[in-house]
Amino acid sequence: MKPATAAKKLGVYLEATPPEFQEGVVSRSELNALQAEPPEWLVTLRRNGPHPRQVVAAKLGVSTSGLARGGVTDPLTTEQIEALKKEPPEWLTRERATQAEVRKEAARIKEKNKAKEQAERSG
């Protein structure tokens, strides 16, 4: 697979990986080996970053769209993420509330569909 795909599966920012990783092709067995026994560079990258947008969004509890609305377009380090968590800017507080509403609505729809399914089976 392409290095970008492998980086995404590993949850790391491609541009922060070693050149040999960026320039090569990663086989399925190599990816499995990286996941099972991550080398030091991967452990450090996962711990300190910089992290890709989807990881930043997950760590902050918002969507990647919410990051963009908040003006966060670059990868962030763990230290930068922790600083945002300690003193959340207004956009982060707003986006977290939005994300909570989205999750709540998804759960409501799931329950509604489950109830409808059960009614159809018993009806």
PDB file of N, CA and C in Angstrom:
ATOM      1  N   MET A   1       0.846  -1.179   0.000  1.00  0.00           N
ATOM      2  CA  MET A   1       0.000   0.000   0.000  1.00  0.00           C
ATOM      3  C   MET A   1       0.884   1.232   0.000  1.00  0.00           C
ATOM      4  N   LYS A   2       0.274   2.335  -0.361  1.00  0.00           N
ATOM      5  CA  LYS A   2       1.000   3.597  -0.394  1.00  0.00           C
ATOM      6  C   LYS A   2       1.334   4.029   1.034  1.00  0.00           C
ATOM      7  N   PRO A   3       2.429   4.769   1.198  1.00  0.00           N
ATOM      8  CA  PRO A   3       2.794   5.248   2.529  1.00  0.00           C
ATOM      9  C   PRO A   3       1.689   6.086   3.179  1.00  0.00           C
ATOM     10  N   ALA A   4       0.957   6.871   2.393  1.00  0.00           N
ATOM     11  CA  ALA A   4      -0.117   7.701   2.958  1.00  0.00           C
ATOM     12  C   ALA A   4      -1.205   6.830   3.581  1.00  0.00           C
ATOM     13  N   THR A   5      -1.537   5.733   2.920  1.00  0.00           N
ATOM     14  CA  THR A   5      -2.550   4.812   3.439  1.00  0.00           C
ATOM     15  C   THR A   5      -2.055   4.152   4.720  1.00  0.00           C
ATOM     16  N   ALA A   6      -0.804   3.710   4.702  1.00  0.00           N
ATOM     17  CA  ALA A   6      -0.223   3.066   5.886  1.00  0.00           C
ATOM     18  C   ALA A   6      -0.170   4.050   7.059  1.00  0.00           C
ATOM     19  N   ALA A   7       0.222   5.291   6.787  1.00  0.00           N
ATOM     20  CA  ALA A   7       0.285   6.305   7.847  1.00  0.00           C
ATOM     21  C   ALA A   7      -1.094   6.534   8.447  1.00  0.00           C
ATOM     22  N   LYS A   8      -2.103   6.576   7.602  1.00  0.00           N
ATOM     23  CA  LYS A   8      -3.472   6.786   8.086  1.00  0.00           C
ATOM     24  C   LYS A   8      -3.903   5.617   8.980  1.00  0.00           C
ATOM     25  N   LYS A   9      -3.580   4.398   8.547  1.00  0.00           N
ATOM     26  CA  LYS A   9      -3.936   3.223   9.346  1.00  0.00           C
ATOM     27  C   LYS A   9      -3.181   3.189  10.674  1.00  0.00           C
ATOM     28  N   LEU A  10      -1.974   3.735  10.680  1.00  0.00           N
ATOM     29  CA  LEU A  10      -1.175   3.790  11.905  1.00  0.00           C
ATOM     30  C   LEU A  10      -1.531   4.998  12.769  1.00  0.00           C
ATOM     31  N   GLY A  11      -2.304   5.938  12.216  1.00  0.00           N
ATOM     32  CA  GLY A  11      -2.718   7.120  12.966  1.00  0.00           C
ATOM     33  C   GLY A  11      -1.609   8.133  13.157  1.00  0.00           C
ATOM     34  N   VAL A  12      -0.727   8.233  12.142  1.00  0.00           N
ATOM     35  CA  VAL A  12       0.382   9.186  12.242  1.00  0.00           C
ATOM     36  C   VAL A  12       0.385  10.127  11.045  1.00  0.00           C
ATOM     37  N   TYR A  13       1.048  11.254  11.218  1.00  0.00           N
ATOM     38  CA  TYR A  13       1.185  12.270  10.181  1.00  0.00           C
ATOM     39  C   TYR A  13       2.321  11.851   9.251  1.00  0.00           C
ATOM     40  N   LEU A  14       1.996  11.595   7.984  1.00  0.00           N
ATOM     41  CA  LEU A  14       2.959  11.065   7.025  1.00  0.00           C
ATOM     42  C   LEU A  14       4.242  11.885   6.955  1.00  0.00           C
ATOM     43  N   GLU A  15       4.117  13.212   6.884  1.00  0.00           N
ATOM     44  CA  GLU A  15       5.294  14.063   6.720  1.00  0.00           C
ATOM     45  C   GLU A  15       6.255  13.991   7.906  1.00  0.00           C
ATOM     46  N   ALA A  16       5.807  13.466   9.039  1.00  0.00           N
ATOM     47  CA  ALA A  16       6.666  13.350  10.218  1.00  0.00           C
ATOM     48  C   ALA A  16       7.338  11.977  10.315  1.00  0.00           C
ATOM     49  N   THR A  17       7.002  11.074   9.401  1.00  0.00           N
ATOM     50  CA  THR A  17       7.603   9.738   9.418  1.00  0.00           C
ATOM     51  C   THR A  17       8.988   9.777   8.775  1.00  0.00           C
ATOM     52  N   PRO A  18       9.804   8.755   9.028  1.00  0.00           N
ATOM     53  CA  PRO A  18      11.147   8.728   8.419  1.00  0.00           C
ATOM     54  C   PRO A  18      11.060   8.668   6.885  1.00  0.00           C
ATOM     55  N   PRO A  19      12.067   9.218   6.208  1.00  0.00           N
ATOM     56  CA  PRO A  19      12.069   9.237   4.735  1.00  0.00           C
ATOM     57  C   PRO A  19      11.888   7.860   4.111  1.00  0.00           C
ATOM     58  N   GLU A  20      12.503   6.830   4.692  1.00  0.00           N
ATOM     59  CA  GLU A  20      12.373   5.483   4.116  1.00  0.00           C
ATOM     60  C   GLU A  20      10.930   4.976   4.164  1.00  0.00           C
ATOM     61  N   PHE A  21      10.172   5.417   5.157  1.00  0.00           N
ATOM     62  CA  PHE A  21       8.753   5.049   5.232  1.00  0.00           C
ATOM     63  C   PHE A  21       7.968   5.810   4.162  1.00  0.00           C
ATOM     64  N   GLN A  22       8.250   7.099   4.024  1.00  0.00           N
ATOM     65  CA  GLN A  22       7.531   7.952   3.065  1.00  0.00           C
ATOM     66  C   GLN A  22       7.783   7.547   1.619  1.00  0.00           C
ATOM     67  N   GLU A  23       8.959   7.049   1.332  1.00  0.00           N
ATOM     68  CA  GLU A  23       9.344   6.770  -0.047  1.00  0.00           C
ATOM     69  C   GLU A  23       9.079   5.337  -0.470  1.00  0.00           C
ATOM     70  N   GLY A  24       8.803   4.461   0.467  1.00  0.00           N
ATOM     71  CA  GLY A  24       8.636   3.049   0.142  1.00  0.00           C
ATOM     72  C   GLY A  24       7.192   2.660  -0.063  1.00  0.00           C
ATOM     73  N   VAL A  25       7.009   1.357  -0.194  1.00  0.00           N
ATOM     74  CA  VAL A  25       5.681   0.764  -0.267  1.00  0.00           C
ATOM     75  C   VAL A  25       5.576  -0.124   0.965  1.00  0.00           C
ATOM     76  N   VAL A  26       4.433  -0.109   1.614  1.00  0.00           N
ATOM     77  CA  VAL A  26       4.249  -0.873   2.845  1.00  0.00           C
ATOM     78  C   VAL A  26       3.338  -2.057   2.562  1.00  0.00           C
ATOM     79  N   SER A  27       3.859  -3.249   2.781  1.00  0.00           N
ATOM     80  CA  SER A  27       3.050  -4.451   2.576  1.00  0.00           C
ATOM     81  C   SER A  27       2.131  -4.646   3.779  1.00  0.00           C
ATOM     82  N   ARG A  28       1.156  -5.497   3.617  1.00  0.00           N
ATOM     83  CA  ARG A  28       0.219  -5.802   4.707  1.00  0.00           C
ATOM     84  C   ARG A  28       0.979  -6.393   5.899  1.00  0.00           C
ATOM     85  N   SER A  29       1.941  -7.276   5.621  1.00  0.00           N
ATOM     86  CA  SER A  29       2.706  -7.899   6.717  1.00  0.00           C
ATOM     87  C   SER A  29       3.594  -6.869   7.413  1.00  0.00           C
ATOM     88  N   GLU A  30       4.153  -5.911   6.663  1.00  0.00           N
ATOM     89  CA  GLU A  30       4.949  -4.844   7.275  1.00  0.00           C
ATOM     90  C   GLU A  30       4.068  -3.966   8.167  1.00  0.00           C
ATOM     91  N   LEU A  31       2.868  -3.657   7.694  1.00  0.00           N
ATOM     92  CA  LEU A  31       1.935  -2.852   8.487  1.00  0.00           C
ATOM     93  C   LEU A  31       1.583  -3.590   9.780  1.00  0.00           C
ATOM     94  N   ASN A  32       1.291  -4.888   9.665  1.00  0.00           N
ATOM     95  CA  ASN A  32       0.965  -5.687  10.849  1.00  0.00           C
ATOM     96  C   ASN A  32       2.126  -5.699  11.839  1.00  0.00           C
ATOM     97  N   ALA A  33       3.357  -5.795  11.305  1.00  0.00           N
ATOM     98  CA  ALA A  33       4.545  -5.794  12.166  1.00  0.00           C
ATOM     99  C   ALA A  33       4.698  -4.445  12.866  1.00  0.00           C
ATOM    100  N   LEU A  34       4.445  -3.353  12.136  1.00  0.00           N
ATOM    101  CA  LEU A  34       4.527  -2.011  12.737  1.00  0.00           C
ATOM    102  C   LEU A  34       3.494  -1.844  13.842  1.00  0.00           C
ATOM    103  N   GLN A  35       2.322  -2.421  13.644  1.00  0.00           N
ATOM    104  CA  GLN A  35       1.271  -2.316  14.659  1.00  0.00           C
ATOM    105  C   GLN A  35       1.568  -3.201  15.862  1.00  0.00           C
ATOM    106  N   ALA A  36       2.094  -4.394  15.600  1.00  0.00           N
ATOM    107  CA  ALA A  36       2.362  -5.340  16.682  1.00  0.00           C
ATOM    108  C   ALA A  36       3.557  -4.914  17.532  1.00  0.00           C
ATOM    109  N   GLU A  37       4.629  -4.517  16.878  1.00  0.00           N
ATOM    110  CA  GLU A  37       5.841  -4.101  17.579  1.00  0.00           C
ATOM    111  C   GLU A  37       6.342  -2.796  16.977  1.00  0.00           C
ATOM    112  N   PRO A  38       5.727  -1.677  17.369  1.00  0.00           N
ATOM    113  CA  PRO A  38       6.103  -0.392  16.768  1.00  0.00           C
ATOM    114  C   PRO A  38       7.555  -0.009  17.078  1.00  0.00           C
ATOM    115  N   PRO A  39       8.275   0.448  16.055  1.00  0.00           N
ATOM    116  CA  PRO A  39       9.641   0.930  16.298  1.00  0.00           C
ATOM    117  C   PRO A  39       9.597   2.231  17.105  1.00  0.00           C
ATOM    118  N   GLU A  40      10.737   2.644  17.620  1.00  0.00           N
ATOM    119  CA  GLU A  40      10.814   3.831  18.475  1.00  0.00           C
ATOM    120  C   GLU A  40      10.246   5.075  17.796  1.00  0.00           C
ATOM    121  N   TRP A  41      10.527   5.280  16.503  1.00  0.00           N
ATOM    122  CA  TRP A  41      10.034   6.473  15.819  1.00  0.00           C
ATOM    123  C   TRP A  41       8.511   6.517  15.817  1.00  0.00           C
ATOM    124  N   LEU A  42       7.870   5.344  15.690  1.00  0.00           N
ATOM    125  CA  LEU A  42       6.413   5.290  15.666  1.00  0.00           C
ATOM    126  C   LEU A  42       5.837   5.536  17.056  1.00  0.00           C
ATOM    127  N   VAL A  43       6.455   4.965  18.064  1.00  0.00           N
ATOM    128  CA  VAL A  43       6.011   5.183  19.451  1.00  0.00           C
ATOM    129  C   VAL A  43       6.094   6.672  19.793  1.00  0.00           C
ATOM    130  N   THR A  44       7.228   7.282  19.458  1.00  0.00           N
ATOM    131  CA  THR A  44       7.443   8.704  19.744  1.00  0.00           C
ATOM    132  C   THR A  44       6.454   9.579  18.987  1.00  0.00           C
ATOM    133  N   LEU A  45       6.240   9.262  17.721  1.00  0.00           N
ATOM    134  CA  LEU A  45       5.316  10.036  16.894  1.00  0.00           C
ATOM    135  C   LEU A  45       3.888   9.939  17.420  1.00  0.00           C
ATOM    136  N   ARG A  46       3.481   8.748  17.827  1.00  0.00           N
ATOM    137  CA  ARG A  46       2.127   8.582  18.378  1.00  0.00           C
ATOM    138  C   ARG A  46       1.979   9.323  19.705  1.00  0.00           C
ATOM    139  N   ARG A  47       3.040   9.354  20.489  1.00  0.00           N
ATOM    140  CA  ARG A  47       2.981   9.999  21.805  1.00  0.00           C
ATOM    141  C   ARG A  47       3.035  11.518  21.692  1.00  0.00           C
ATOM    142  N   ASN A  48       3.966  12.043  20.889  1.00  0.00           N
ATOM    143  CA  ASN A  48       4.227  13.482  20.860  1.00  0.00           C
ATOM    144  C   ASN A  48       3.690  14.221  19.645  1.00  0.00           C
ATOM    145  N   GLY A  49       3.403  13.506  18.571  1.00  0.00           N
ATOM    146  CA  GLY A  49       2.960  14.152  17.337  1.00  0.00           C
ATOM    147  C   GLY A  49       4.124  14.656  16.524  1.00  0.00           C
ATOM    148  N   PRO A  50       3.882  15.443  15.534  1.00  0.00           N
ATOM    149  CA  PRO A  50       2.601  16.051  15.177  1.00  0.00           C
ATOM    150  C   PRO A  50       1.594  14.993  14.735  1.00  0.00           C
ATOM    151  N   HIS A  51       0.331  15.255  15.049  1.00  0.00           N
ATOM    152  CA  HIS A  51      -0.746  14.316  14.774  1.00  0.00           C
ATOM    153  C   HIS A  51      -1.553  14.774  13.559  1.00  0.00           C
ATOM    154  N   PRO A  52      -2.048  13.811  12.756  1.00  0.00           N
ATOM    155  CA  PRO A  52      -2.907  14.184  11.627  1.00  0.00           C
ATOM    156  C   PRO A  52      -4.254  14.710  12.120  1.00  0.00           C
ATOM    157  N   ARG A  53      -4.957  15.377  11.236  1.00  0.00           N
ATOM    158  CA  ARG A  53      -6.227  16.024  11.597  1.00  0.00           C
ATOM    159  C   ARG A  53      -7.221  15.094  12.276  1.00  0.00           C
ATOM    160  N   GLN A  54      -7.383  13.871  11.751  1.00  0.00           N
ATOM    161  CA  GLN A  54      -8.386  12.978  12.352  1.00  0.00           C
ATOM    162  C   GLN A  54      -8.016  12.616  13.787  1.00  0.00           C
ATOM    163  N   VAL A  55      -6.719  12.510  14.089  1.00  0.00           N
ATOM    164  CA  VAL A  55      -6.285  12.218  15.455  1.00  0.00           C
ATOM    165  C   VAL A  55      -6.475  13.452  16.342  1.00  0.00           C
ATOM    166  N   VAL A  56      -6.129  14.622  15.820  1.00  0.00           N
ATOM    167  CA  VAL A  56      -6.324  15.874  16.567  1.00  0.00           C
ATOM    168  C   VAL A  56      -7.802  16.034  16.909  1.00  0.00           C
ATOM    169  N   ALA A  57      -8.662  15.813  15.923  1.00  0.00           N
ATOM    170  CA  ALA A  57     -10.105  15.943  16.141  1.00  0.00           C
ATOM    171  C   ALA A  57     -10.584  14.985  17.229  1.00  0.00           C
ATOM    172  N   ALA A  58     -10.135  13.736  17.158  1.00  0.00           N
ATOM    173  CA  ALA A  58     -10.546  12.745  18.158  1.00  0.00           C
ATOM    174  C   ALA A  58     -10.067  13.132  19.551  1.00  0.00           C
ATOM    175  N   LYS A  59      -8.829  13.589  19.660  1.00  0.00           N
ATOM    176  CA  LYS A  59      -8.277  13.971  20.967  1.00  0.00           C
ATOM    177  C   LYS A  59      -8.995  15.181  21.559  1.00  0.00           C
ATOM    178  N   LEU A  60      -9.508  16.061  20.689  1.00  0.00           N
ATOM    179  CA  LEU A  60     -10.217  17.254  21.158  1.00  0.00           C
ATOM    180  C   LEU A  60     -11.726  17.015  21.292  1.00  0.00           C
ATOM    181  N   GLY A  61     -12.214  15.882  20.779  1.00  0.00           N
ATOM    182  CA  GLY A  61     -13.635  15.575  20.881  1.00  0.00           C
ATOM    183  C   GLY A  61     -14.501  16.361  19.923  1.00  0.00           C
ATOM    184  N   VAL A  62     -13.945  16.647  18.729  1.00  0.00           N
ATOM    185  CA  VAL A  62     -14.692  17.381  17.709  1.00  0.00           C
ATOM    186  C   VAL A  62     -14.534  16.661  16.375  1.00  0.00           C
ATOM    187  N   SER A  63     -15.245  17.129  15.358  1.00  0.00           N
ATOM    188  CA  SER A  63     -15.106  16.565  14.019  1.00  0.00           C
ATOM    189  C   SER A  63     -13.962  17.263  13.286  1.00  0.00           C
ATOM    190  N   THR A  64     -13.515  16.654  12.183  1.00  0.00           N
ATOM    191  CA  THR A  64     -12.482  17.315  11.383  1.00  0.00           C
ATOM    192  C   THR A  64     -13.039  18.589  10.760  1.00  0.00           C
ATOM    193  N   SER A  65     -14.330  18.621  10.474  1.00  0.00           N
ATOM    194  CA  SER A  65     -14.963  19.843   9.972  1.00  0.00           C
ATOM    195  C   SER A  65     -14.950  20.917  11.045  1.00  0.00           C
ATOM    196  N   GLY A  66     -15.150  20.510  12.290  1.00  0.00           N
ATOM    197  CA  GLY A  66     -15.105  21.447  13.409  1.00  0.00           C
ATOM    198  C   GLY A  66     -13.724  22.058  13.566  1.00  0.00           C
ATOM    199  N   LEU A  67     -12.688  21.253  13.329  1.00  0.00           N
ATOM    200  CA  LEU A  67     -11.325  21.790  13.365  1.00  0.00           C
ATOM    201  C   LEU A  67     -11.161  22.880  12.316  1.00  0.00           C
ATOM    202  N   ALA A  68     -11.645  22.600  11.107  1.00  0.00           N
ATOM    203  CA  ALA A  68     -11.525  23.574  10.016  1.00  0.00           C
ATOM    204  C   ALA A  68     -12.281  24.855  10.359  1.00  0.00           C
ATOM    205  N   ARG A  69     -13.494  24.701  10.911  1.00  0.00           N
ATOM    206  CA  ARG A  69     -14.261  25.889  11.297  1.00  0.00           C
ATOM    207  C   ARG A  69     -13.534  26.690  12.370  1.00  0.00           C
ATOM    208  N   GLY A  70     -12.772  25.984  13.210  1.00  0.00           N
ATOM    209  CA  GLY A  70     -12.008  26.649  14.266  1.00  0.00           C
ATOM    210  C   GLY A  70     -10.678  27.212  13.772  1.00  0.00           C
ATOM    211  N   GLY A  71     -10.387  26.997  12.486  1.00  0.00           N
ATOM    212  CA  GLY A  71      -9.154  27.537  11.913  1.00  0.00           C
ATOM    213  C   GLY A  71      -7.934  26.655  12.094  1.00  0.00           C
ATOM    214  N   VAL A  72      -8.140  25.419  12.560  1.00  0.00           N
ATOM    215  CA  VAL A  72      -7.014  24.491  12.739  1.00  0.00           C
ATOM    216  C   VAL A  72      -6.868  23.672  11.467  1.00  0.00           C
ATOM    217  N   THR A  73      -5.846  24.003  10.698  1.00  0.00           N
ATOM    218  CA  THR A  73      -5.620  23.301   9.435  1.00  0.00           C
ATOM    219  C   THR A  73      -4.307  22.535   9.427  1.00  0.00           C
ATOM    220  N   ASP A  74      -3.421  22.849  10.371  1.00  0.00           N
ATOM    221  CA  ASP A  74      -2.123  22.184  10.438  1.00  0.00           C
ATOM    222  C   ASP A  74      -2.150  21.084  11.489  1.00  0.00           C
ATOM    223  N   PRO A  75      -1.246  20.114  11.349  1.00  0.00           N
ATOM    224  CA  PRO A  75      -1.142  19.084  12.386  1.00  0.00           C
ATOM    225  C   PRO A  75      -0.712  19.733  13.705  1.00  0.00           C
ATOM    226  N   LEU A  76      -1.136  19.134  14.811  1.00  0.00           N
ATOM    227  CA  LEU A  76      -0.772  19.655  16.123  1.00  0.00           C
ATOM    228  C   LEU A  76       0.003  18.610  16.912  1.00  0.00           C
ATOM    229  N   THR A  77       0.857  19.073  17.804  1.00  0.00           N
ATOM    230  CA  THR A  77       1.575  18.169  18.696  1.00  0.00           C
ATOM    231  C   THR A  77       0.695  17.861  19.902  1.00  0.00           C
ATOM    232  N   THR A  78       1.081  16.856  20.653  1.00  0.00           N
ATOM    233  CA  THR A  78       0.350  16.509  21.873  1.00  0.00           C
ATOM    234  C   THR A  78       0.347  17.702  22.832  1.00  0.00           C
ATOM    235  N   GLU A  79       1.466  18.393  22.913  1.00  0.00           N
ATOM    236  CA  GLU A  79       1.579  19.563  23.788  1.00  0.00           C
ATOM    237  C   GLU A  79       0.576  20.650  23.385  1.00  0.00           C
ATOM    238  N   GLN A  80       0.451  20.903  22.091  1.00  0.00           N
ATOM    239  CA  GLN A  80      -0.501  21.916  21.609  1.00  0.00           C
ATOM    240  C   GLN A  80      -1.943  21.489  21.891  1.00  0.00           C
ATOM    241  N   ILE A  81      -2.221  20.209  21.727  1.00  0.00           N
ATOM    242  CA  ILE A  81      -3.565  19.692  21.991  1.00  0.00           C
ATOM    243  C   ILE A  81      -3.902  19.852  23.474  1.00  0.00           C
ATOM    244  N   GLU A  82      -2.954  19.500  24.327  1.00  0.00           N
ATOM    245  CA  GLU A  82      -3.173  19.622  25.775  1.00  0.00           C
ATOM    246  C   GLU A  82      -3.399  21.078  26.181  1.00  0.00           C
ATOM    247  N   ALA A  83      -2.682  21.997  25.541  1.00  0.00           N
ATOM    248  CA  ALA A  83      -2.866  23.431  25.837  1.00  0.00           C
ATOM    249  C   ALA A  83      -4.279  23.879  25.463  1.00  0.00           C
ATOM    250  N   LEU A  84      -4.787  23.387  24.335  1.00  0.00           N
ATOM    251  CA  LEU A  84      -6.158  23.726  23.921  1.00  0.00           C
ATOM    252  C   LEU A  84      -7.177  23.141  24.895  1.00  0.00           C
ATOM    253  N   LYS A  85      -6.911  21.943  25.396  1.00  0.00           N
ATOM    254  CA  LYS A  85      -7.825  21.315  26.348  1.00  0.00           C
ATOM    255  C   LYS A  85      -7.856  22.080  27.677  1.00  0.00           C
ATOM    256  N   LYS A  86      -6.676  22.553  28.116  1.00  0.00           N
ATOM    257  CA  LYS A  86      -6.598  23.270  29.394  1.00  0.00           C
ATOM    258  C   LYS A  86      -7.358  24.581  29.356  1.00  0.00           C
ATOM    259  N   GLU A  87      -7.187  25.325  28.269  1.00  0.00           N
ATOM    260  CA  GLU A  87      -7.868  26.606  28.120  1.00  0.00           C
ATOM    261  C   GLU A  87      -8.573  26.623  26.767  1.00  0.00           C
ATOM    262  N   PRO A  88      -9.718  25.931  26.684  1.00  0.00           N
ATOM    263  CA  PRO A  88     -10.394  25.812  25.389  1.00  0.00           C
ATOM    264  C   PRO A  88     -10.880  27.154  24.848  1.00  0.00           C
ATOM    265  N   PRO A  89     -10.511  27.452  23.608  1.00  0.00           N
ATOM    266  CA  PRO A  89     -11.043  28.666  22.986  1.00  0.00           C
ATOM    267  C   PRO A  89     -12.548  28.500  22.737  1.00  0.00           C
ATOM    268  N   GLU A  90     -13.201  29.585  22.462  1.00  0.00           N
ATOM    269  CA  GLU A  90     -14.658  29.580  22.274  1.00  0.00           C
ATOM    270  C   GLU A  90     -15.075  28.604  21.168  1.00  0.00           C
ATOM    271  N   TRP A  91     -14.329  28.557  20.071  1.00  0.00           N
ATOM    272  CA  TRP A  91     -14.697  27.661  18.961  1.00  0.00           C
ATOM    273  C   TRP A  91     -14.671  26.199  19.398  1.00  0.00           C
ATOM    274  N   LEU A  92     -13.708  25.819  20.263  1.00  0.00           N
ATOM    275  CA  LEU A  92     -13.601  24.430  20.714  1.00  0.00           C
ATOM    276  C   LEU A  92     -14.785  24.058  21.600  1.00  0.00           C
ATOM    277  N   THR A  93     -15.152  24.946  22.487  1.00  0.00           N
ATOM    278  CA  THR A  93     -16.310  24.709  23.352  1.00  0.00           C
ATOM    279  C   THR A  93     -17.568  24.539  22.507  1.00  0.00           C
ATOM    280  N   ARG A  94     -17.736  25.396  21.510  1.00  0.00           N
ATOM    281  CA  ARG A  94     -18.900  25.334  20.613  1.00  0.00           C
ATOM    282  C   ARG A  94     -18.905  24.028  19.812  1.00  0.00           C
ATOM    283  N   GLU A  95     -17.748  23.661  19.266  1.00  0.00           N
ATOM    284  CA  GLU A  95     -17.671  22.442  18.447  1.00  0.00           C
ATOM    285  C   GLU A  95     -17.878  21.179  19.277  1.00  0.00           C
ATOM    286  N   ARG A  96     -17.411  21.189  20.516  1.00  0.00           N
ATOM    287  CA  ARG A  96     -17.649  20.029  21.388  1.00  0.00           C
ATOM    288  C   ARG A  96     -19.144  19.880  21.678  1.00  0.00           C
ATOM    289  N   ALA A  97     -19.813  20.985  21.879  1.00  0.00           N
ATOM    290  CA  ALA A  97     -21.259  20.948  22.120  1.00  0.00           C
ATOM    291  C   ALA A  97     -21.983  20.429  20.875  1.00  0.00           C
ATOM    292  N   THR A  98     -21.551  20.890  19.717  1.00  0.00           N
ATOM    293  CA  THR A  98     -22.141  20.425  18.457  1.00  0.00           C
ATOM    294  C   THR A  98     -21.938  18.924  18.309  1.00  0.00           C
ATOM    295  N   GLN A  99     -20.720  18.463  18.579  1.00  0.00           N
ATOM    296  CA  GLN A  99     -20.411  17.032  18.461  1.00  0.00           C
ATOM    297  C   GLN A  99     -21.253  16.208  19.429  1.00  0.00           C
ATOM    298  N   ALA A 100     -21.461  16.710  20.630  1.00  0.00           N
ATOM    299  CA  ALA A 100     -22.287  16.010  21.618  1.00  0.00           C
ATOM    300  C   ALA A 100     -23.728  15.887  21.115  1.00  0.00           C
ATOM    301  N   GLU A 101     -24.239  16.948  20.502  1.00  0.00           N
ATOM    302  CA  GLU A 101     -25.597  16.914  19.945  1.00  0.00           C
ATOM    303  C   GLU A 101     -25.698  15.916  18.798  1.00  0.00           C
ATOM    304  N   VAL A 102     -24.669  15.864  17.967  1.00  0.00           N
ATOM    305  CA  VAL A 102     -24.652  14.917  16.841  1.00  0.00           C
ATOM    306  C   VAL A 102     -24.695  13.487  17.368  1.00  0.00           C
ATOM    307  N   ARG A 103     -23.889  13.199  18.383  1.00  0.00           N
ATOM    308  CA  ARG A 103     -23.875  11.849  18.965  1.00  0.00           C
ATOM    309  C   ARG A 103     -25.227  11.509  19.590  1.00  0.00           C
ATOM    310  N   LYS A 104     -25.810  12.482  20.282  1.00  0.00           N
ATOM    311  CA  LYS A 104     -27.105  12.277  20.930  1.00  0.00           C
ATOM    312  C   LYS A 104     -28.189  11.965  19.892  1.00  0.00           C
ATOM    313  N   GLU A 105     -28.185  12.721  18.801  1.00  0.00           N
ATOM    314  CA  GLU A 105     -29.158  12.514  17.733  1.00  0.00           C
ATOM    315  C   GLU A 105     -28.950  11.161  17.054  1.00  0.00           C
ATOM    316  N   ALA A 106     -27.700  10.772  16.837  1.00  0.00           N
ATOM    317  CA  ALA A 106     -27.410   9.470  16.225  1.00  0.00           C
ATOM    318  C   ALA A 106     -27.919   8.334  17.116  1.00  0.00           C
ATOM    319  N   ALA A 107     -27.739   8.472  18.422  1.00  0.00           N
ATOM    320  CA  ALA A 107     -28.223   7.458  19.363  1.00  0.00           C
ATOM    321  C   ALA A 107     -29.747   7.403  19.347  1.00  0.00           C
ATOM    322  N   ARG A 108     -30.393   8.570  19.282  1.00  0.00           N
ATOM    323  CA  ARG A 108     -31.855   8.615  19.242  1.00  0.00           C
ATOM    324  C   ARG A 108     -32.378   7.919  17.992  1.00  0.00           C
ATOM    325  N   ILE A 109     -31.769   8.178  16.851  1.00  0.00           N
ATOM    326  CA  ILE A 109     -32.204   7.565  15.595  1.00  0.00           C
ATOM    327  C   ILE A 109     -31.985   6.056  15.628  1.00  0.00           C
ATOM    328  N   LYS A 110     -30.868   5.646  16.193  1.00  0.00           N
ATOM    329  CA  LYS A 110     -30.572   4.215  16.299  1.00  0.00           C
ATOM    330  C   LYS A 110     -31.634   3.512  17.145  1.00  0.00           C
ATOM    331  N   GLU A 111     -31.989   4.124  18.271  1.00  0.00           N
ATOM    332  CA  GLU A 111     -33.024   3.554  19.141  1.00  0.00           C
ATOM    333  C   GLU A 111     -34.385   3.502  18.437  1.00  0.00           C
ATOM    334  N   LYS A 112     -34.697   4.574  17.718  1.00  0.00           N
ATOM    335  CA  LYS A 112     -35.965   4.645  16.990  1.00  0.00           C
ATOM    336  C   LYS A 112     -36.039   3.531  15.943  1.00  0.00           C
ATOM    337  N   ASN A 113     -34.950   3.342  15.204  1.00  0.00           N
ATOM    338  CA  ASN A 113     -34.911   2.291  14.185  1.00  0.00           C
ATOM    339  C   ASN A 113     -34.980   0.904  14.799  1.00  0.00           C
ATOM    340  N   LYS A 114     -34.338   0.736  15.945  1.00  0.00           N
ATOM    341  CA  LYS A 114     -34.359  -0.545  16.648  1.00  0.00           C
ATOM    342  C   LYS A 114     -35.781  -0.869  17.103  1.00  0.00           C
ATOM    343  N   ALA A 115     -36.476   0.118  17.657  1.00  0.00           N
ATOM    344  CA  ALA A 115     -37.855  -0.073  18.110  1.00  0.00           C
ATOM    345  C   ALA A 115     -38.768  -0.389  16.930  1.00  0.00           C
ATOM    346  N   LYS A 116     -38.561   0.302  15.816  1.00  0.00           N
ATOM    347  CA  LYS A 116     -39.366   0.073  14.617  1.00  0.00           C
ATOM    348  C   LYS A 116     -39.153  -1.351  14.089  1.00  0.00           C
ATOM    349  N   GLU A 117     -37.894  -1.800  14.092  1.00  0.00           N
ATOM    350  CA  GLU A 117     -37.551  -3.135  13.637  1.00  0.00           C
ATOM    351  C   GLU A 117     -38.231  -4.185  14.502  1.00  0.00           C
ATOM    352  N   GLN A 118     -38.193  -3.992  15.826  1.00  0.00           N
ATOM    353  CA  GLN A 118     -38.807  -4.946  16.748  1.00  0.00           C
ATOM    354  C   GLN A 118     -40.323  -4.971  16.564  1.00  0.00           C
ATOM    355  N   ALA A 119     -40.913  -3.818  16.316  1.00  0.00           N
ATOM    356  CA  ALA A 119     -42.370  -3.754  16.108  1.00  0.00           C
ATOM    357  C   ALA A 119     -42.761  -4.483  14.830  1.00  0.00           C
ATOM    358  N   GLU A 120     -41.948  -4.342  13.803  1.00  0.00           N
ATOM    359  CA  GLU A 120     -42.244  -5.039  12.540  1.00  0.00           C
ATOM    360  C   GLU A 120     -42.109  -6.536  12.667  1.00  0.00           C
ATOM    361  N   ARG A 121     -41.151  -7.010  13.470  1.00  0.00           N
ATOM    362  CA  ARG A 121     -40.957  -8.440  13.664  1.00  0.00           C
ATOM    363  C   ARG A 121     -42.098  -9.058  14.466  1.00  0.00           C
ATOM    364  N   SER A 122     -42.576  -8.312  15.441  1.00  0.00           N
ATOM    365  CA  SER A 122     -43.620  -8.861  16.315  1.00  0.00           C
ATOM    366  C   SER A 122     -45.020  -8.574  15.780  1.00  0.00           C
ATOM    367  N   GLY A 123     -45.109  -7.730  14.786  1.00  0.00           N
ATOM    368  CA  GLY A 123     -46.410  -7.274  14.304  1.00  0.00           C
ATOM    369  C   GLY A 123     -46.907  -8.057  13.195  1.00  0.00           C
TER     370      GLY A 123
END
